């Protein structure tokens, strides 16, 4: 299947690298280079990627939700979801929590811990960047070695 997500990511990176920031102009450019009638595989691949992302959002796999959004939480828990995305037989499937094995749940918990550590490290780097740049954000920076 066409690797539309990779292609779109490269196009977006190219626009941003040239200092172009107008979202609608970038989207119009992508759409104009891939007419639906002659690039069906491209749009099918992109649509499937979008649907996978929506499933991740639904199960909470890769997104952080704020408290104003409705979550499908397991009764009696503050964070446990009713279902998780689990890889089974080479495919990612949504599995109700009570049907997940302990091994699958441990794997999910380890992924979350690793992701959390990465987020903390990312936040620290942002603070270092701010310190390097200076209080008003306009001073030139010295590169970190």
N, C-alpha and C. Protein backbone atom coordinates (compact mmCIF):
# COMPACT_ATOMS: atom_id res chain seq x y z
N UNK A 1 0.85 -1.19 0.00
CA UNK A 1 0.00 0.00 0.00
C UNK A 1 0.89 1.24 0.00
N UNK A 2 0.45 2.26 -0.65
CA UNK A 2 1.17 3.53 -0.77
C UNK A 2 1.53 4.08 0.61
N UNK A 3 2.76 4.57 0.77
CA UNK A 3 3.16 5.13 2.07
C UNK A 3 2.82 6.62 2.11
N UNK A 4 1.54 6.89 2.14
CA UNK A 4 1.05 8.26 2.08
C UNK A 4 1.45 9.07 3.30
N UNK A 5 1.45 8.45 4.46
CA UNK A 5 1.78 9.19 5.69
C UNK A 5 3.22 9.70 5.62
N UNK A 6 4.12 8.85 5.17
CA UNK A 6 5.53 9.26 5.04
C UNK A 6 5.65 10.40 4.03
N UNK A 7 4.98 10.25 2.90
CA UNK A 7 5.04 11.30 1.87
C UNK A 7 4.49 12.63 2.39
N UNK A 8 3.34 12.58 3.05
CA UNK A 8 2.74 13.80 3.59
C UNK A 8 3.65 14.41 4.65
N UNK A 9 4.24 13.57 5.50
CA UNK A 9 5.16 14.08 6.52
C UNK A 9 6.35 14.80 5.88
N UNK A 10 6.90 14.23 4.81
CA UNK A 10 8.03 14.85 4.12
C UNK A 10 7.62 16.18 3.49
N UNK A 11 6.43 16.21 2.88
CA UNK A 11 5.95 17.46 2.27
C UNK A 11 5.79 18.53 3.34
N UNK A 12 5.18 18.18 4.46
CA UNK A 12 4.97 19.15 5.54
C UNK A 12 6.31 19.64 6.08
N UNK A 13 7.25 18.69 6.33
CA UNK A 13 8.58 19.09 6.80
C UNK A 13 9.24 20.05 5.82
N UNK A 14 9.09 19.80 4.53
CA UNK A 14 9.66 20.68 3.51
C UNK A 14 9.10 22.09 3.60
N UNK A 15 7.78 22.18 3.71
CA UNK A 15 7.14 23.50 3.83
C UNK A 15 7.63 24.23 5.09
N UNK A 16 7.63 23.51 6.21
CA UNK A 16 8.05 24.13 7.46
C UNK A 16 9.52 24.53 7.41
N UNK A 17 10.34 23.70 6.75
CA UNK A 17 11.75 24.00 6.60
C UNK A 17 12.01 25.25 5.78
N UNK A 18 11.09 25.56 4.88
CA UNK A 18 11.19 26.79 4.08
C UNK A 18 10.52 27.97 4.78
N UNK A 19 10.06 27.76 6.01
CA UNK A 19 9.45 28.84 6.77
C UNK A 19 7.98 29.05 6.46
N UNK A 20 7.38 28.15 5.71
CA UNK A 20 5.96 28.28 5.37
C UNK A 20 5.14 27.71 6.53
N UNK A 21 4.21 28.48 7.05
CA UNK A 21 3.47 28.06 8.24
C UNK A 21 1.95 28.05 8.05
N UNK A 22 1.47 28.46 6.88
CA UNK A 22 0.02 28.53 6.67
C UNK A 22 -0.53 27.13 6.44
N UNK A 23 -1.21 26.60 7.43
CA UNK A 23 -1.73 25.23 7.39
C UNK A 23 -2.61 24.98 6.17
N UNK A 24 -3.54 25.90 5.90
CA UNK A 24 -4.47 25.69 4.79
C UNK A 24 -3.75 25.66 3.45
N UNK A 25 -2.74 26.50 3.27
CA UNK A 25 -1.97 26.51 2.02
C UNK A 25 -1.23 25.19 1.84
N UNK A 26 -0.64 24.68 2.91
CA UNK A 26 0.07 23.41 2.84
C UNK A 26 -0.90 22.28 2.48
N UNK A 27 -2.05 22.26 3.11
CA UNK A 27 -3.05 21.22 2.82
C UNK A 27 -3.53 21.32 1.38
N UNK A 28 -3.80 22.53 0.92
CA UNK A 28 -4.25 22.71 -0.46
C UNK A 28 -3.19 22.21 -1.45
N UNK A 29 -1.92 22.43 -1.12
CA UNK A 29 -0.84 21.95 -1.98
C UNK A 29 -0.80 20.43 -2.06
N UNK A 30 -0.98 19.78 -0.92
CA UNK A 30 -0.99 18.31 -0.91
C UNK A 30 -2.17 17.78 -1.71
N UNK A 31 -3.34 18.35 -1.48
CA UNK A 31 -4.54 17.90 -2.18
C UNK A 31 -4.41 18.13 -3.69
N UNK A 32 -3.85 19.26 -4.09
CA UNK A 32 -3.75 19.57 -5.53
C UNK A 32 -2.78 18.63 -6.25
N UNK A 33 -1.79 18.08 -5.55
CA UNK A 33 -0.85 17.17 -6.21
C UNK A 33 -1.33 15.72 -6.22
N UNK A 34 -2.42 15.45 -5.55
CA UNK A 34 -2.97 14.09 -5.50
C UNK A 34 -4.47 14.10 -5.77
N UNK A 35 -4.89 14.35 -7.03
CA UNK A 35 -6.33 14.33 -7.33
C UNK A 35 -6.93 12.96 -6.99
N UNK A 36 -8.09 12.98 -6.40
CA UNK A 36 -8.73 11.75 -5.92
C UNK A 36 -8.92 10.74 -7.06
N UNK A 37 -9.34 11.20 -8.24
CA UNK A 37 -9.65 10.27 -9.33
C UNK A 37 -8.43 9.53 -9.86
N UNK A 38 -7.23 10.09 -9.73
CA UNK A 38 -6.04 9.41 -10.25
C UNK A 38 -5.07 8.95 -9.17
N UNK A 39 -5.36 9.26 -7.92
CA UNK A 39 -4.47 8.89 -6.82
C UNK A 39 -5.24 8.20 -5.70
N UNK A 40 -6.11 7.29 -6.07
CA UNK A 40 -6.95 6.61 -5.09
C UNK A 40 -6.16 5.86 -4.03
N UNK A 41 -5.04 5.21 -4.42
CA UNK A 41 -4.23 4.45 -3.46
C UNK A 41 -3.66 5.37 -2.39
N UNK A 42 -3.25 6.56 -2.80
CA UNK A 42 -2.70 7.55 -1.86
C UNK A 42 -3.75 7.90 -0.82
N UNK A 43 -4.96 8.23 -1.26
CA UNK A 43 -6.01 8.65 -0.33
C UNK A 43 -6.50 7.49 0.53
N UNK A 44 -6.52 6.27 -0.02
CA UNK A 44 -6.89 5.10 0.77
C UNK A 44 -5.88 4.88 1.88
N UNK A 45 -4.58 4.95 1.55
CA UNK A 45 -3.55 4.76 2.57
C UNK A 45 -3.62 5.85 3.64
N UNK A 46 -3.82 7.08 3.21
CA UNK A 46 -3.91 8.18 4.17
C UNK A 46 -5.15 8.04 5.05
N UNK A 47 -6.26 7.61 4.44
CA UNK A 47 -7.49 7.40 5.21
C UNK A 47 -7.32 6.29 6.24
N UNK A 48 -6.64 5.21 5.86
CA UNK A 48 -6.40 4.11 6.81
C UNK A 48 -5.53 4.59 7.96
N UNK A 49 -4.51 5.40 7.65
CA UNK A 49 -3.65 5.94 8.70
C UNK A 49 -4.46 6.83 9.64
N UNK A 50 -5.35 7.62 9.09
CA UNK A 50 -6.20 8.49 9.91
C UNK A 50 -7.09 7.64 10.82
N UNK A 51 -7.65 6.57 10.27
CA UNK A 51 -8.50 5.70 11.07
C UNK A 51 -7.71 5.02 12.19
N UNK A 52 -6.47 4.58 11.90
CA UNK A 52 -5.64 3.99 12.95
C UNK A 52 -5.39 5.01 14.05
N UNK A 53 -5.13 6.25 13.66
CA UNK A 53 -4.90 7.29 14.65
C UNK A 53 -6.14 7.52 15.50
N UNK A 54 -7.31 7.50 14.88
CA UNK A 54 -8.55 7.68 15.63
C UNK A 54 -8.75 6.52 16.61
N UNK A 55 -8.40 5.30 16.20
CA UNK A 55 -8.51 4.16 17.11
C UNK A 55 -7.56 4.33 18.29
N UNK A 56 -6.34 4.82 18.03
CA UNK A 56 -5.39 5.06 19.13
C UNK A 56 -5.96 6.10 20.09
N UNK A 57 -6.55 7.14 19.52
CA UNK A 57 -7.14 8.18 20.36
C UNK A 57 -8.26 7.59 21.20
N UNK A 58 -9.09 6.78 20.58
CA UNK A 58 -10.22 6.19 21.30
C UNK A 58 -9.73 5.34 22.46
N UNK A 59 -8.72 4.54 22.24
CA UNK A 59 -8.25 3.66 23.30
C UNK A 59 -7.25 4.35 24.21
N UNK A 60 -6.85 5.57 23.87
CA UNK A 60 -5.94 6.32 24.72
C UNK A 60 -4.50 5.87 24.61
N UNK A 61 -4.14 5.15 23.54
CA UNK A 61 -2.79 4.59 23.45
C UNK A 61 -1.72 5.67 23.35
N UNK A 62 -1.91 6.63 22.48
CA UNK A 62 -0.84 7.59 22.23
C UNK A 62 -1.20 9.02 22.60
N UNK A 63 -2.35 9.22 23.15
CA UNK A 63 -2.75 10.59 23.43
C UNK A 63 -2.93 10.82 24.91
N UNK A 64 -2.75 12.04 25.30
CA UNK A 64 -3.04 12.45 26.67
C UNK A 64 -4.38 13.19 26.62
N UNK A 65 -5.30 12.74 27.40
CA UNK A 65 -6.61 13.39 27.39
C UNK A 65 -6.74 14.28 28.61
N UNK A 66 -7.43 15.40 28.43
CA UNK A 66 -7.66 16.23 29.61
C UNK A 66 -8.97 15.80 30.27
N UNK A 67 -9.19 16.26 31.46
CA UNK A 67 -10.32 15.78 32.25
C UNK A 67 -11.67 16.19 31.68
N UNK A 68 -11.69 17.14 30.73
CA UNK A 68 -12.98 17.56 30.18
C UNK A 68 -13.47 16.59 29.10
N UNK A 69 -12.60 15.70 28.62
CA UNK A 69 -13.01 14.76 27.60
C UNK A 69 -13.53 13.47 28.24
N UNK A 70 -14.54 12.90 27.62
CA UNK A 70 -15.09 11.65 28.12
C UNK A 70 -14.12 10.52 27.81
N UNK A 71 -13.84 9.71 28.78
CA UNK A 71 -12.97 8.56 28.60
C UNK A 71 -13.75 7.30 28.96
N UNK A 72 -13.39 6.23 28.29
CA UNK A 72 -14.00 4.94 28.60
C UNK A 72 -13.15 4.29 29.69
N UNK A 73 -13.40 4.69 30.92
CA UNK A 73 -12.60 4.19 32.04
C UNK A 73 -13.25 2.97 32.67
N UNK A 74 -12.40 2.10 33.18
CA UNK A 74 -12.85 0.92 33.88
C UNK A 74 -13.45 1.37 35.22
N UNK A 75 -14.66 0.95 35.54
CA UNK A 75 -15.29 1.37 36.80
C UNK A 75 -14.39 1.06 38.00
N UNK A 76 -14.27 2.04 38.88
CA UNK A 76 -13.47 1.88 40.08
C UNK A 76 -12.02 2.32 39.92
N UNK A 77 -11.64 2.77 38.72
CA UNK A 77 -10.28 3.21 38.46
C UNK A 77 -10.29 4.63 37.92
N UNK A 78 -9.19 5.34 38.16
CA UNK A 78 -9.07 6.71 37.66
C UNK A 78 -8.40 6.78 36.29
N UNK A 79 -7.60 5.78 35.95
CA UNK A 79 -6.83 5.83 34.71
C UNK A 79 -7.00 4.60 33.82
N UNK A 80 -7.36 3.47 34.40
CA UNK A 80 -7.51 2.23 33.61
C UNK A 80 -8.64 2.38 32.61
N UNK A 81 -8.33 2.08 31.38
CA UNK A 81 -9.34 2.17 30.33
C UNK A 81 -10.09 0.84 30.19
N UNK A 82 -11.25 0.91 29.59
CA UNK A 82 -12.04 -0.30 29.39
C UNK A 82 -11.41 -1.21 28.34
N UNK A 83 -10.57 -0.63 27.45
CA UNK A 83 -9.94 -1.42 26.39
C UNK A 83 -8.59 -0.81 26.04
N UNK A 84 -7.71 -1.64 25.50
CA UNK A 84 -6.37 -1.20 25.08
C UNK A 84 -6.06 -1.77 23.70
N UNK A 85 -5.22 -1.06 22.96
CA UNK A 85 -4.71 -1.58 21.70
C UNK A 85 -3.60 -2.56 22.04
N UNK A 86 -3.74 -3.79 21.57
CA UNK A 86 -2.80 -4.86 21.86
C UNK A 86 -2.41 -5.52 20.53
N UNK A 87 -1.11 -5.84 20.39
CA UNK A 87 -0.67 -6.55 19.19
C UNK A 87 -0.86 -8.04 19.42
N UNK A 88 -1.67 -8.64 18.55
CA UNK A 88 -1.92 -10.08 18.60
C UNK A 88 -1.80 -10.64 17.18
N UNK A 89 -0.99 -11.68 17.05
CA UNK A 89 -0.78 -12.33 15.75
C UNK A 89 -0.40 -11.31 14.67
N UNK A 90 0.45 -10.35 15.04
CA UNK A 90 0.94 -9.38 14.07
C UNK A 90 0.00 -8.24 13.75
N UNK A 91 -1.15 -8.21 14.38
CA UNK A 91 -2.12 -7.14 14.12
C UNK A 91 -2.45 -6.43 15.43
N UNK A 92 -2.73 -5.14 15.32
CA UNK A 92 -3.12 -4.37 16.49
C UNK A 92 -4.64 -4.44 16.59
N UNK A 93 -5.11 -4.95 17.74
CA UNK A 93 -6.54 -5.08 17.96
C UNK A 93 -6.92 -4.39 19.26
N UNK A 94 -8.16 -3.94 19.34
CA UNK A 94 -8.66 -3.33 20.56
C UNK A 94 -9.24 -4.45 21.42
N UNK A 95 -8.69 -4.59 22.63
CA UNK A 95 -9.06 -5.70 23.49
C UNK A 95 -9.62 -5.14 24.80
N UNK A 96 -10.81 -5.59 25.22
CA UNK A 96 -11.33 -5.17 26.52
C UNK A 96 -10.32 -5.54 27.61
N UNK A 97 -10.15 -4.68 28.59
CA UNK A 97 -9.14 -4.88 29.63
C UNK A 97 -9.26 -6.24 30.30
N UNK A 98 -10.47 -6.69 30.60
CA UNK A 98 -10.65 -7.97 31.27
C UNK A 98 -10.25 -9.15 30.39
N UNK A 99 -10.12 -8.93 29.08
CA UNK A 99 -9.70 -10.00 28.18
C UNK A 99 -8.20 -9.96 27.89
N UNK A 100 -7.50 -8.93 28.37
CA UNK A 100 -6.05 -8.84 28.19
C UNK A 100 -5.36 -9.78 29.17
N UNK A 101 -4.29 -10.42 28.71
CA UNK A 101 -3.52 -11.25 29.63
C UNK A 101 -2.69 -10.34 30.53
N UNK A 102 -2.22 -10.89 31.64
CA UNK A 102 -1.34 -10.12 32.52
C UNK A 102 -0.09 -9.68 31.76
N UNK A 103 0.44 -10.55 30.91
CA UNK A 103 1.62 -10.20 30.11
C UNK A 103 1.34 -9.00 29.20
N UNK A 104 0.18 -9.00 28.56
CA UNK A 104 -0.18 -7.87 27.67
C UNK A 104 -0.32 -6.58 28.48
N UNK A 105 -0.94 -6.68 29.65
CA UNK A 105 -1.11 -5.48 30.48
C UNK A 105 0.24 -4.99 31.02
N UNK A 106 1.13 -5.91 31.41
CA UNK A 106 2.47 -5.50 31.85
C UNK A 106 3.22 -4.80 30.73
N UNK A 107 3.11 -5.33 29.52
CA UNK A 107 3.76 -4.72 28.36
C UNK A 107 3.24 -3.31 28.13
N UNK A 108 1.94 -3.14 28.24
CA UNK A 108 1.32 -1.81 28.08
C UNK A 108 1.81 -0.86 29.16
N UNK A 109 1.89 -1.32 30.39
CA UNK A 109 2.35 -0.48 31.50
C UNK A 109 3.81 -0.08 31.28
N UNK A 110 4.64 -1.00 30.82
CA UNK A 110 6.05 -0.66 30.55
C UNK A 110 6.17 0.37 29.43
N UNK A 111 5.34 0.24 28.39
CA UNK A 111 5.33 1.24 27.31
C UNK A 111 4.98 2.62 27.87
N UNK A 112 3.98 2.65 28.75
CA UNK A 112 3.56 3.92 29.33
C UNK A 112 4.65 4.52 30.20
N UNK A 113 5.32 3.69 31.01
CA UNK A 113 6.42 4.20 31.84
C UNK A 113 7.54 4.77 30.98
N UNK A 114 7.89 4.06 29.91
CA UNK A 114 8.94 4.54 29.01
C UNK A 114 8.53 5.86 28.37
N UNK A 115 7.29 5.94 27.94
CA UNK A 115 6.79 7.18 27.34
C UNK A 115 6.80 8.33 28.34
N UNK A 116 6.43 8.03 29.57
CA UNK A 116 6.41 9.08 30.60
C UNK A 116 7.81 9.61 30.86
N UNK A 117 8.79 8.70 30.93
CA UNK A 117 10.18 9.14 31.13
C UNK A 117 10.62 10.03 29.97
N UNK A 118 10.23 9.65 28.76
CA UNK A 118 10.56 10.45 27.58
C UNK A 118 9.93 11.83 27.65
N UNK A 119 8.70 11.90 28.12
CA UNK A 119 8.02 13.20 28.24
C UNK A 119 8.71 14.08 29.28
N UNK A 120 9.14 13.49 30.40
CA UNK A 120 9.85 14.26 31.43
C UNK A 120 11.17 14.78 30.88
N UNK A 121 11.91 13.92 30.16
CA UNK A 121 13.17 14.36 29.54
C UNK A 121 12.92 15.48 28.53
N UNK A 122 11.86 15.37 27.77
CA UNK A 122 11.51 16.40 26.79
C UNK A 122 11.22 17.73 27.50
N UNK A 123 10.45 17.66 28.58
CA UNK A 123 10.13 18.88 29.33
C UNK A 123 11.40 19.53 29.87
N UNK A 124 12.33 18.73 30.38
CA UNK A 124 13.59 19.28 30.89
C UNK A 124 14.35 19.99 29.78
N UNK A 125 14.38 19.40 28.58
CA UNK A 125 15.07 20.04 27.47
C UNK A 125 14.42 21.37 27.09
N UNK A 126 13.12 21.44 27.18
CA UNK A 126 12.44 22.71 26.90
C UNK A 126 12.90 23.78 27.88
N UNK A 127 12.99 23.42 29.17
CA UNK A 127 13.47 24.39 30.16
C UNK A 127 14.90 24.80 29.90
N UNK A 128 15.75 23.86 29.49
CA UNK A 128 17.15 24.19 29.15
C UNK A 128 17.16 25.15 27.96
N UNK A 129 16.35 24.88 26.97
CA UNK A 129 16.27 25.75 25.79
C UNK A 129 15.87 27.17 26.18
N UNK A 130 14.87 27.27 27.04
CA UNK A 130 14.41 28.60 27.49
C UNK A 130 15.54 29.31 28.22
N UNK A 131 16.25 28.61 29.09
CA UNK A 131 17.37 29.21 29.82
C UNK A 131 18.46 29.69 28.87
N UNK A 132 18.76 28.87 27.87
CA UNK A 132 19.80 29.22 26.91
C UNK A 132 19.41 30.45 26.10
N UNK A 133 18.14 30.55 25.77
CA UNK A 133 17.66 31.62 24.91
C UNK A 133 17.57 32.94 25.65
N UNK A 134 17.35 32.90 26.94
CA UNK A 134 17.24 34.14 27.70
C UNK A 134 15.81 34.47 28.04
N UNK A 135 15.62 35.40 28.97
CA UNK A 135 14.28 35.68 29.49
C UNK A 135 13.29 36.25 28.48
N UNK A 136 13.76 37.02 27.50
CA UNK A 136 12.79 37.59 26.56
C UNK A 136 12.62 36.75 25.30
N UNK A 137 13.36 35.67 25.18
CA UNK A 137 13.19 34.77 24.06
C UNK A 137 13.79 35.24 22.76
N UNK A 138 14.48 36.37 22.77
CA UNK A 138 15.01 36.89 21.51
C UNK A 138 16.53 36.87 21.44
N UNK A 139 17.17 36.52 22.55
CA UNK A 139 18.63 36.50 22.55
C UNK A 139 19.15 35.31 21.78
N UNK A 140 20.33 35.50 21.18
CA UNK A 140 20.95 34.41 20.44
C UNK A 140 21.44 33.36 21.42
N UNK A 141 21.40 32.10 20.97
CA UNK A 141 21.75 30.99 21.84
C UNK A 141 23.13 30.47 21.51
N UNK A 142 23.75 29.89 22.50
CA UNK A 142 25.00 29.14 22.34
C UNK A 142 24.61 27.67 22.19
N UNK A 143 25.18 26.95 21.21
CA UNK A 143 24.80 25.54 21.07
C UNK A 143 25.23 24.69 22.27
N UNK A 144 24.44 23.67 22.57
CA UNK A 144 24.73 22.74 23.65
C UNK A 144 25.69 21.68 23.11
N UNK A 145 26.72 21.36 23.88
CA UNK A 145 27.67 20.33 23.42
C UNK A 145 27.41 19.03 24.11
